[in-house]
PDB file of N, CA and C in Angstrom:
ATOM      1  N   UNK A   1      16.565 -30.091  18.864  1.00  0.00           N
ATOM      2  CA  UNK A   1      17.093 -30.275  17.539  1.00  0.00           C
ATOM      3  C   UNK A   1      18.576 -29.950  17.560  1.00  0.00           C
ATOM      4  N   UNK A   2      19.369 -30.830  17.013  1.00  0.00           N
ATOM      5  CA  UNK A   2      20.809 -30.624  16.961  1.00  0.00           C
ATOM      6  C   UNK A   2      21.209 -30.048  15.622  1.00  0.00           C
ATOM      7  N   UNK A   3      22.152 -29.141  15.648  1.00  0.00           N
ATOM      8  CA  UNK A   3      22.688 -28.583  14.425  1.00  0.00           C
ATOM      9  C   UNK A   3      24.115 -29.069  14.268  1.00  0.00           C
ATOM     10  N   UNK A   4      24.487 -29.305  13.036  1.00  0.00           N
ATOM     11  CA  UNK A   4      25.812 -29.812  12.741  1.00  0.00           C
ATOM     12  C   UNK A   4      26.584 -28.762  11.962  1.00  0.00           C
ATOM     13  N   UNK A   5      27.874 -28.740  12.163  1.00  0.00           N
ATOM     14  CA  UNK A   5      28.697 -27.852  11.356  1.00  0.00           C
ATOM     15  C   UNK A   5      28.946 -28.528  10.012  1.00  0.00           C
ATOM     16  N   UNK A   6      29.318 -27.748   9.036  1.00  0.00           N
ATOM     17  CA  UNK A   6      29.557 -28.284   7.701  1.00  0.00           C
ATOM     18  C   UNK A   6      30.672 -29.325   7.745  1.00  0.00           C
ATOM     19  N   UNK A   7      31.632 -29.134   8.620  1.00  0.00           N
ATOM     20  CA  UNK A   7      32.756 -30.068   8.716  1.00  0.00           C
ATOM     21  C   UNK A   7      32.303 -31.455   9.151  1.00  0.00           C
ATOM     22  N   UNK A   8      31.174 -31.553   9.860  1.00  0.00           N
ATOM     23  CA  UNK A   8      30.690 -32.846  10.333  1.00  0.00           C
ATOM     24  C   UNK A   8      29.890 -33.594   9.273  1.00  0.00           C
ATOM     25  N   UNK A   9      29.564 -32.929   8.174  1.00  0.00           N
ATOM     26  CA  UNK A   9      28.795 -33.567   7.110  1.00  0.00           C
ATOM     27  C   UNK A   9      29.734 -34.283   6.154  1.00  0.00           C
ATOM     28  N   UNK A  10      29.237 -35.366   5.569  1.00  0.00           N
ATOM     29  CA  UNK A  10      30.017 -36.051   4.545  1.00  0.00           C
ATOM     30  C   UNK A  10      30.052 -35.177   3.297  1.00  0.00           C
ATOM     31  N   UNK A  11      30.928 -35.491   2.386  1.00  0.00           N
ATOM     32  CA  UNK A  11      31.039 -34.729   1.134  1.00  0.00           C
ATOM     33  C   UNK A  11      29.704 -34.759   0.383  1.00  0.00           C
ATOM     34  N   UNK A  12      29.065 -35.909   0.368  1.00  0.00           N
ATOM     35  CA  UNK A  12      27.760 -36.067  -0.296  1.00  0.00           C
ATOM     36  C   UNK A  12      26.712 -35.170   0.354  1.00  0.00           C
ATOM     37  N   UNK A  13      26.677 -35.149   1.679  1.00  0.00           N
ATOM     38  CA  UNK A  13      25.715 -34.311   2.396  1.00  0.00           C
ATOM     39  C   UNK A  13      25.996 -32.829   2.154  1.00  0.00           C
ATOM     40  N   UNK A  14      27.280 -32.464   2.095  1.00  0.00           N
ATOM     41  CA  UNK A  14      27.641 -31.082   1.817  1.00  0.00           C
ATOM     42  C   UNK A  14      27.148 -30.657   0.434  1.00  0.00           C
ATOM     43  N   UNK A  15      27.233 -31.562  -0.541  1.00  0.00           N
ATOM     44  CA  UNK A  15      26.759 -31.282  -1.893  1.00  0.00           C
ATOM     45  C   UNK A  15      25.253 -31.071  -1.900  1.00  0.00           C
ATOM     46  N   UNK A  16      24.530 -31.894  -1.166  1.00  0.00           N
ATOM     47  CA  UNK A  16      23.073 -31.757  -1.086  1.00  0.00           C
ATOM     48  C   UNK A  16      22.692 -30.417  -0.472  1.00  0.00           C
ATOM     49  N   UNK A  17      23.339 -30.056   0.618  1.00  0.00           N
ATOM     50  CA  UNK A  17      23.054 -28.783   1.291  1.00  0.00           C
ATOM     51  C   UNK A  17      23.371 -27.618   0.353  1.00  0.00           C
ATOM     52  N   UNK A  18      24.497 -27.689  -0.330  1.00  0.00           N
ATOM     53  CA  UNK A  18      24.892 -26.622  -1.256  1.00  0.00           C
ATOM     54  C   UNK A  18      23.859 -26.454  -2.367  1.00  0.00           C
ATOM     55  N   UNK A  19      23.418 -27.548  -2.958  1.00  0.00           N
ATOM     56  CA  UNK A  19      22.416 -27.487  -4.033  1.00  0.00           C
ATOM     57  C   UNK A  19      21.084 -26.962  -3.522  1.00  0.00           C
ATOM     58  N   UNK A  20      20.725 -27.327  -2.311  1.00  0.00           N
ATOM     59  CA  UNK A  20      19.475 -26.843  -1.718  1.00  0.00           C
ATOM     60  C   UNK A  20      19.484 -25.315  -1.681  1.00  0.00           C
ATOM     61  N   UNK A  21      20.562 -24.738  -1.153  1.00  0.00           N
ATOM     62  CA  UNK A  21      20.633 -23.288  -1.031  1.00  0.00           C
ATOM     63  C   UNK A  21      20.804 -22.599  -2.384  1.00  0.00           C
ATOM     64  N   UNK A  22      21.452 -23.266  -3.341  1.00  0.00           N
ATOM     65  CA  UNK A  22      21.578 -22.694  -4.679  1.00  0.00           C
ATOM     66  C   UNK A  22      20.220 -22.588  -5.364  1.00  0.00           C
ATOM     67  N   UNK A  23      19.334 -23.525  -5.092  1.00  0.00           N
ATOM     68  CA  UNK A  23      18.028 -23.579  -5.751  1.00  0.00           C
ATOM     69  C   UNK A  23      16.885 -23.086  -4.871  1.00  0.00           C
ATOM     70  N   UNK A  24      17.190 -22.524  -3.729  1.00  0.00           N
ATOM     71  CA  UNK A  24      16.162 -22.100  -2.791  1.00  0.00           C
ATOM     72  C   UNK A  24      15.234 -21.047  -3.391  1.00  0.00           C
ATOM     73  N   UNK A  25      15.787 -20.052  -4.081  1.00  0.00           N
ATOM     74  CA  UNK A  25      14.945 -19.012  -4.675  1.00  0.00           C
ATOM     75  C   UNK A  25      13.963 -19.604  -5.688  1.00  0.00           C
ATOM     76  N   UNK A  26      14.435 -20.508  -6.521  1.00  0.00           N
ATOM     77  CA  UNK A  26      13.555 -21.137  -7.512  1.00  0.00           C
ATOM     78  C   UNK A  26      12.443 -21.921  -6.839  1.00  0.00           C
ATOM     79  N   UNK A  27      12.783 -22.648  -5.807  1.00  0.00           N
ATOM     80  CA  UNK A  27      11.784 -23.428  -5.083  1.00  0.00           C
ATOM     81  C   UNK A  27      10.766 -22.513  -4.404  1.00  0.00           C
ATOM     82  N   UNK A  28      11.235 -21.412  -3.817  1.00  0.00           N
ATOM     83  CA  UNK A  28      10.334 -20.468  -3.165  1.00  0.00           C
ATOM     84  C   UNK A  28       9.411 -19.798  -4.171  1.00  0.00           C
ATOM     85  N   UNK A  29       9.921 -19.461  -5.348  1.00  0.00           N
ATOM     86  CA  UNK A  29       9.082 -18.849  -6.374  1.00  0.00           C
ATOM     87  C   UNK A  29       8.015 -19.821  -6.863  1.00  0.00           C
ATOM     88  N   UNK A  30       8.390 -21.072  -7.013  1.00  0.00           N
ATOM     89  CA  UNK A  30       7.421 -22.089  -7.431  1.00  0.00           C
ATOM     90  C   UNK A  30       6.336 -22.246  -6.364  1.00  0.00           C
ATOM     91  N   UNK A  31       6.757 -22.325  -5.112  1.00  0.00           N
ATOM     92  CA  UNK A  31       5.813 -22.456  -4.011  1.00  0.00           C
ATOM     93  C   UNK A  31       4.894 -21.242  -3.952  1.00  0.00           C
ATOM     94  N   UNK A  32       5.453 -20.062  -4.160  1.00  0.00           N
ATOM     95  CA  UNK A  32       4.670 -18.832  -4.135  1.00  0.00           C
ATOM     96  C   UNK A  32       3.621 -18.843  -5.245  1.00  0.00           C
ATOM     97  N   UNK A  33       3.982 -19.357  -6.400  1.00  0.00           N
ATOM     98  CA  UNK A  33       3.022 -19.475  -7.506  1.00  0.00           C
ATOM     99  C   UNK A  33       1.851 -20.371  -7.135  1.00  0.00           C
ATOM    100  N   UNK A  34       2.155 -21.461  -6.470  1.00  0.00           N
ATOM    101  CA  UNK A  34       1.092 -22.369  -6.019  1.00  0.00           C
ATOM    102  C   UNK A  34       0.226 -21.690  -4.961  1.00  0.00           C
ATOM    103  N   UNK A  35       0.864 -20.908  -4.099  1.00  0.00           N
ATOM    104  CA  UNK A  35       0.122 -20.225  -3.038  1.00  0.00           C
ATOM    105  C   UNK A  35      -0.803 -19.148  -3.609  1.00  0.00           C
ATOM    106  N   UNK A  36      -0.387 -18.496  -4.690  1.00  0.00           N
ATOM    107  CA  UNK A  36      -1.251 -17.501  -5.329  1.00  0.00           C
ATOM    108  C   UNK A  36      -2.530 -18.176  -5.804  1.00  0.00           C
ATOM    109  N   UNK A  37      -2.387 -19.308  -6.448  1.00  0.00           N
ATOM    110  CA  UNK A  37      -3.555 -20.057  -6.924  1.00  0.00           C
ATOM    111  C   UNK A  37      -4.443 -20.454  -5.754  1.00  0.00           C
ATOM    112  N   UNK A  38      -3.834 -20.974  -4.704  1.00  0.00           N
ATOM    113  CA  UNK A  38      -4.604 -21.383  -3.525  1.00  0.00           C
ATOM    114  C   UNK A  38      -5.315 -20.192  -2.891  1.00  0.00           C
ATOM    115  N   UNK A  39      -4.672 -19.037  -2.920  1.00  0.00           N
ATOM    116  CA  UNK A  39      -5.237 -17.841  -2.293  1.00  0.00           C
ATOM    117  C   UNK A  39      -6.531 -17.409  -2.985  1.00  0.00           C
ATOM    118  N   UNK A  40      -6.570 -17.547  -4.305  1.00  0.00           N
ATOM    119  CA  UNK A  40      -7.784 -17.188  -5.041  1.00  0.00           C
ATOM    120  C   UNK A  40      -8.975 -18.029  -4.589  1.00  0.00           C
ATOM    121  N   UNK A  41      -8.711 -19.254  -4.148  1.00  0.00           N
ATOM    122  CA  UNK A  41      -9.785 -20.180  -3.787  1.00  0.00           C
ATOM    123  C   UNK A  41     -10.065 -20.240  -2.290  1.00  0.00           C
ATOM    124  N   UNK A  42      -9.141 -19.752  -1.475  1.00  0.00           N
ATOM    125  CA  UNK A  42      -9.239 -19.914  -0.020  1.00  0.00           C
ATOM    126  C   UNK A  42     -10.165 -18.878   0.613  1.00  0.00           C
ATOM    127  N   UNK A  43     -10.749 -19.279   1.731  1.00  0.00           N
ATOM    128  CA  UNK A  43     -11.611 -18.395   2.510  1.00  0.00           C
ATOM    129  C   UNK A  43     -11.360 -18.623   3.986  1.00  0.00           C
ATOM    130  N   UNK A  44     -11.704 -17.622   4.792  1.00  0.00           N
ATOM    131  CA  UNK A  44     -11.674 -17.759   6.245  1.00  0.00           C
ATOM    132  C   UNK A  44     -10.305 -18.028   6.824  1.00  0.00           C
ATOM    133  N   UNK A  45     -10.267 -18.969   7.769  1.00  0.00           N
ATOM    134  CA  UNK A  45      -9.025 -19.293   8.493  1.00  0.00           C
ATOM    135  C   UNK A  45      -7.938 -19.814   7.557  1.00  0.00           C
ATOM    136  N   UNK A  46      -8.358 -20.595   6.566  1.00  0.00           N
ATOM    137  CA  UNK A  46      -7.376 -21.138   5.627  1.00  0.00           C
ATOM    138  C   UNK A  46      -6.671 -19.998   4.888  1.00  0.00           C
ATOM    139  N   UNK A  47      -7.425 -18.979   4.518  1.00  0.00           N
ATOM    140  CA  UNK A  47      -6.849 -17.823   3.825  1.00  0.00           C
ATOM    141  C   UNK A  47      -5.870 -17.095   4.744  1.00  0.00           C
ATOM    142  N   UNK A  48      -6.197 -16.950   6.011  1.00  0.00           N
ATOM    143  CA  UNK A  48      -5.304 -16.303   6.977  1.00  0.00           C
ATOM    144  C   UNK A  48      -4.000 -17.079   7.124  1.00  0.00           C
ATOM    145  N   UNK A  49      -4.107 -18.398   7.252  1.00  0.00           N
ATOM    146  CA  UNK A  49      -2.901 -19.247   7.372  1.00  0.00           C
ATOM    147  C   UNK A  49      -2.049 -19.154   6.111  1.00  0.00           C
ATOM    148  N   UNK A  50      -2.716 -19.095   4.971  1.00  0.00           N
ATOM    149  CA  UNK A  50      -2.013 -19.008   3.705  1.00  0.00           C
ATOM    150  C   UNK A  50      -1.232 -17.693   3.603  1.00  0.00           C
ATOM    151  N   UNK A  51      -1.834 -16.600   4.040  1.00  0.00           N
ATOM    152  CA  UNK A  51      -1.135 -15.311   4.021  1.00  0.00           C
ATOM    153  C   UNK A  51       0.084 -15.348   4.941  1.00  0.00           C
ATOM    154  N   UNK A  52      -0.036 -16.029   6.068  1.00  0.00           N
ATOM    155  CA  UNK A  52       1.109 -16.152   6.980  1.00  0.00           C
ATOM    156  C   UNK A  52       2.253 -16.885   6.294  1.00  0.00           C
ATOM    157  N   UNK A  53       1.926 -17.955   5.603  1.00  0.00           N
ATOM    158  CA  UNK A  53       2.934 -18.726   4.877  1.00  0.00           C
ATOM    159  C   UNK A  53       3.532 -17.904   3.730  1.00  0.00           C
ATOM    160  N   UNK A  54       2.682 -17.170   3.028  1.00  0.00           N
ATOM    161  CA  UNK A  54       3.142 -16.326   1.920  1.00  0.00           C
ATOM    162  C   UNK A  54       4.107 -15.262   2.441  1.00  0.00           C
ATOM    163  N   UNK A  55       3.772 -14.647   3.565  1.00  0.00           N
ATOM    164  CA  UNK A  55       4.645 -13.624   4.150  1.00  0.00           C
ATOM    165  C   UNK A  55       6.014 -14.219   4.468  1.00  0.00           C
ATOM    166  N   UNK A  56       6.041 -15.444   4.972  1.00  0.00           N
ATOM    167  CA  UNK A  56       7.314 -16.107   5.258  1.00  0.00           C
ATOM    168  C   UNK A  56       8.123 -16.353   3.997  1.00  0.00           C
ATOM    169  N   UNK A  57       7.456 -16.801   2.943  1.00  0.00           N
ATOM    170  CA  UNK A  57       8.141 -17.036   1.667  1.00  0.00           C
ATOM    171  C   UNK A  57       8.703 -15.740   1.106  1.00  0.00           C
ATOM    172  N   UNK A  58       7.913 -14.669   1.175  1.00  0.00           N
ATOM    173  CA  UNK A  58       8.371 -13.377   0.661  1.00  0.00           C
ATOM    174  C   UNK A  58       9.565 -12.856   1.450  1.00  0.00           C
ATOM    175  N   UNK A  59       9.549 -13.067   2.749  1.00  0.00           N
ATOM    176  CA  UNK A  59      10.677 -12.641   3.578  1.00  0.00           C
ATOM    177  C   UNK A  59      11.951 -13.382   3.177  1.00  0.00           C
ATOM    178  N   UNK A  60      11.830 -14.679   2.919  1.00  0.00           N
ATOM    179  CA  UNK A  60      12.992 -15.464   2.493  1.00  0.00           C
ATOM    180  C   UNK A  60      13.499 -15.008   1.128  1.00  0.00           C
ATOM    181  N   UNK A  61      12.599 -14.461   0.311  1.00  0.00           N
ATOM    182  CA  UNK A  61      12.987 -13.939  -1.003  1.00  0.00           C
ATOM    183  C   UNK A  61      13.487 -12.498  -0.912  1.00  0.00           C
ATOM    184  N   UNK A  62      13.628 -12.001   0.313  1.00  0.00           N
ATOM    185  CA  UNK A  62      14.161 -10.667   0.600  1.00  0.00           C
ATOM    186  C   UNK A  62      13.292  -9.532   0.055  1.00  0.00           C
ATOM    187  N   UNK A  63      11.976  -9.746   0.069  1.00  0.00           N
ATOM    188  CA  UNK A  63      11.041  -8.671  -0.252  1.00  0.00           C
ATOM    189  C   UNK A  63      10.974  -7.773   0.980  1.00  0.00           C
ATOM    190  N   UNK A  64      11.014  -6.457   0.797  1.00  0.00           N
ATOM    191  CA  UNK A  64      10.981  -5.554   1.958  1.00  0.00           C
ATOM    192  C   UNK A  64       9.748  -5.799   2.846  1.00  0.00           C
ATOM    193  N   UNK A  65       9.961  -5.713   4.141  1.00  0.00           N
ATOM    194  CA  UNK A  65       8.893  -5.970   5.109  1.00  0.00           C
ATOM    195  C   UNK A  65       7.708  -5.036   4.911  1.00  0.00           C
ATOM    196  N   UNK A  66       7.977  -3.793   4.525  1.00  0.00           N
ATOM    197  CA  UNK A  66       6.881  -2.844   4.316  1.00  0.00           C
ATOM    198  C   UNK A  66       5.979  -3.289   3.164  1.00  0.00           C
ATOM    199  N   UNK A  67       6.581  -3.854   2.139  1.00  0.00           N
ATOM    200  CA  UNK A  67       5.789  -4.343   0.994  1.00  0.00           C
ATOM    201  C   UNK A  67       4.996  -5.595   1.381  1.00  0.00           C
ATOM    202  N   UNK A  68       5.604  -6.459   2.155  1.00  0.00           N
ATOM    203  CA  UNK A  68       4.910  -7.663   2.625  1.00  0.00           C
ATOM    204  C   UNK A  68       3.700  -7.256   3.453  1.00  0.00           C
ATOM    205  N   UNK A  69       3.897  -6.282   4.341  1.00  0.00           N
ATOM    206  CA  UNK A  69       2.797  -5.827   5.196  1.00  0.00           C
ATOM    207  C   UNK A  69       1.666  -5.237   4.365  1.00  0.00           C
ATOM    208  N   UNK A  70       2.019  -4.413   3.368  1.00  0.00           N
ATOM    209  CA  UNK A  70       0.995  -3.832   2.491  1.00  0.00           C
ATOM    210  C   UNK A  70       0.189  -4.919   1.796  1.00  0.00           C
ATOM    211  N   UNK A  71       0.881  -5.945   1.313  1.00  0.00           N
ATOM    212  CA  UNK A  71       0.205  -7.048   0.625  1.00  0.00           C
ATOM    213  C   UNK A  71      -0.733  -7.814   1.556  1.00  0.00           C
ATOM    214  N   UNK A  72      -0.210  -8.178   2.714  1.00  0.00           N
ATOM    215  CA  UNK A  72      -1.028  -8.966   3.641  1.00  0.00           C
ATOM    216  C   UNK A  72      -2.206  -8.153   4.157  1.00  0.00           C
ATOM    217  N   UNK A  73      -2.002  -6.860   4.389  1.00  0.00           N
ATOM    218  CA  UNK A  73      -3.100  -6.007   4.852  1.00  0.00           C
ATOM    219  C   UNK A  73      -4.183  -5.843   3.784  1.00  0.00           C
ATOM    220  N   UNK A  74      -3.760  -5.807   2.516  1.00  0.00           N
ATOM    221  CA  UNK A  74      -4.725  -5.625   1.422  1.00  0.00           C
ATOM    222  C   UNK A  74      -5.527  -6.899   1.163  1.00  0.00           C
ATOM    223  N   UNK A  75      -4.935  -8.068   1.472  1.00  0.00           N
ATOM    224  CA  UNK A  75      -5.589  -9.357   1.228  1.00  0.00           C
ATOM    225  C   UNK A  75      -6.012  -9.481  -0.237  1.00  0.00           C
ATOM    226  N   UNK A  76      -5.149  -8.986  -1.135  1.00  0.00           N
ATOM    227  CA  UNK A  76      -5.453  -8.947  -2.565  1.00  0.00           C
ATOM    228  C   UNK A  76      -4.553  -9.921  -3.326  1.00  0.00           C
ATOM    229  N   UNK A  77      -5.146 -10.982  -3.834  1.00  0.00           N
ATOM    230  CA  UNK A  77      -4.387 -12.001  -4.561  1.00  0.00           C
ATOM    231  C   UNK A  77      -3.811 -11.446  -5.861  1.00  0.00           C
ATOM    232  N   UNK A  78      -4.491 -10.486  -6.476  1.00  0.00           N
ATOM    233  CA  UNK A  78      -3.989  -9.906  -7.732  1.00  0.00           C
ATOM    234  C   UNK A  78      -2.690  -9.143  -7.513  1.00  0.00           C
ATOM    235  N   UNK A  79      -2.596  -8.423  -6.409  1.00  0.00           N
ATOM    236  CA  UNK A  79      -1.353  -7.713  -6.103  1.00  0.00           C
ATOM    237  C   UNK A  79      -0.217  -8.699  -5.874  1.00  0.00           C
ATOM    238  N   UNK A  80      -0.525  -9.802  -5.215  1.00  0.00           N
ATOM    239  CA  UNK A  80       0.485 -10.836  -4.983  1.00  0.00           C
ATOM    240  C   UNK A  80       0.931 -11.449  -6.307  1.00  0.00           C
ATOM    241  N   UNK A  81      -0.009 -11.675  -7.207  1.00  0.00           N
ATOM    242  CA  UNK A  81       0.324 -12.233  -8.517  1.00  0.00           C
ATOM    243  C   UNK A  81       1.234 -11.286  -9.290  1.00  0.00           C
ATOM    244  N   UNK A  82       0.986  -9.975  -9.192  1.00  0.00           N
ATOM    245  CA  UNK A  82       1.850  -8.995  -9.865  1.00  0.00           C
ATOM    246  C   UNK A  82       3.259  -9.023  -9.284  1.00  0.00           C
ATOM    247  N   UNK A  83       3.344  -9.118  -7.964  1.00  0.00           N
ATOM    248  CA  UNK A  83       4.657  -9.206  -7.324  1.00  0.00           C
ATOM    249  C   UNK A  83       5.384 -10.474  -7.768  1.00  0.00           C
ATOM    250  N   UNK A  84       4.664 -11.564  -7.858  1.00  0.00           N
ATOM    251  CA  UNK A  84       5.275 -12.815  -8.308  1.00  0.00           C
ATOM    252  C   UNK A  84       5.845 -12.648  -9.712  1.00  0.00           C
ATOM    253  N   UNK A  85       5.119 -11.962 -10.597  1.00  0.00           N
ATOM    254  CA  UNK A  85       5.623 -11.725 -11.955  1.00  0.00           C
ATOM    255  C   UNK A  85       6.905 -10.898 -11.917  1.00  0.00           C
ATOM    256  N   UNK A  86       6.954  -9.896 -11.048  1.00  0.00           N
ATOM    257  CA  UNK A  86       8.168  -9.090 -10.898  1.00  0.00           C
ATOM    258  C   UNK A  86       9.350  -9.967 -10.457  1.00  0.00           C
ATOM    259  N   UNK A  87       9.085 -10.810  -9.462  1.00  0.00           N
ATOM    260  CA  UNK A  87      10.152 -11.667  -8.938  1.00  0.00           C
ATOM    261  C   UNK A  87      10.630 -12.667  -9.974  1.00  0.00           C
ATOM    262  N   UNK A  88       9.699 -13.201 -10.753  1.00  0.00           N
ATOM    263  CA  UNK A  88      10.076 -14.159 -11.790  1.00  0.00           C
ATOM    264  C   UNK A  88      10.893 -13.477 -12.892  1.00  0.00           C
ATOM    265  N   UNK A  89      10.569 -12.217 -13.187  1.00  0.00           N
ATOM    266  CA  UNK A  89      11.306 -11.474 -14.221  1.00  0.00           C
ATOM    267  C   UNK A  89      12.761 -11.232 -13.785  1.00  0.00           C
ATOM    268  N   UNK A  90      12.968 -11.075 -12.484  1.00  0.00           N
ATOM    269  CA  UNK A  90      14.318 -10.843 -11.957  1.00  0.00           C
ATOM    270  C   UNK A  90      15.134 -12.126 -11.886  1.00  0.00           C
ATOM    271  N   UNK A  91      14.463 -13.259 -11.791  1.00  0.00           N
ATOM    272  CA  UNK A  91      15.157 -14.544 -11.599  1.00  0.00           C
ATOM    273  C   UNK A  91      15.839 -15.018 -12.856  1.00  0.00           C
TER     274      UNK A  91
END
């Protein structure tokens, strides 16, 4: 995979990249909301994969690693939903 510097992007591409990063938190919160719903319904391997994805989303939202670990270890969708409410209140 090749990476490009910002200088190599057209003005239009630079605008798209800028908007992506400006709205990243909102997109992650929306995705996290969907994942909470999915978590309530998931079982087995699917639930494990979902927690892995949730942990990644939380890390990108700068949730402390210790809190992420507590959540994933508890496997409690209600605790995740409470955290999501906290994050939405801050946004």
